[in-house]
């Protein structure tokens, strides 16, 4: 009886060690990459996407003019990014983002009289706009 318990305990210890090793070597790195990606992807998008916006999409819910070096824009852009990711199938829920720092997009500054960033504007009515980093204000604006 004693040897059976010892063999069972040894087998159980090996299984626990295998499970711990699997979690540490395979699952933990995936979790770390997902968490890092959650924070890194919006900032990469902010700096490297929207290189040249050739037109305003009138079907979008709103347009956000931003500058990738603006601290206020850096605060709000990830929220807009994830909003767009979560609504990727609904064009009417998307918020078009335009980096006014890009030389190809500078004409939008004068065309829409953008004086500050981040500026959110309705694509069908450029007079309806808001300049804010408050998520609730942005959500209220988008739902109008």
Foldseek 3Di string as FASTA:
>chain_A
DVVVVVVVVVVVVVVVVVVVCCCVPPVVVVVVVVVCCLLVVQLCCLPPPQLADPDDDLLALKEWEAASVDPLCVLQRSVLVVQCVVCVVRRHHHYHYHHCVRPNNVVVCVVLVDDDPGKMANSVDSVQIDHDSDPVVVVVSSVD
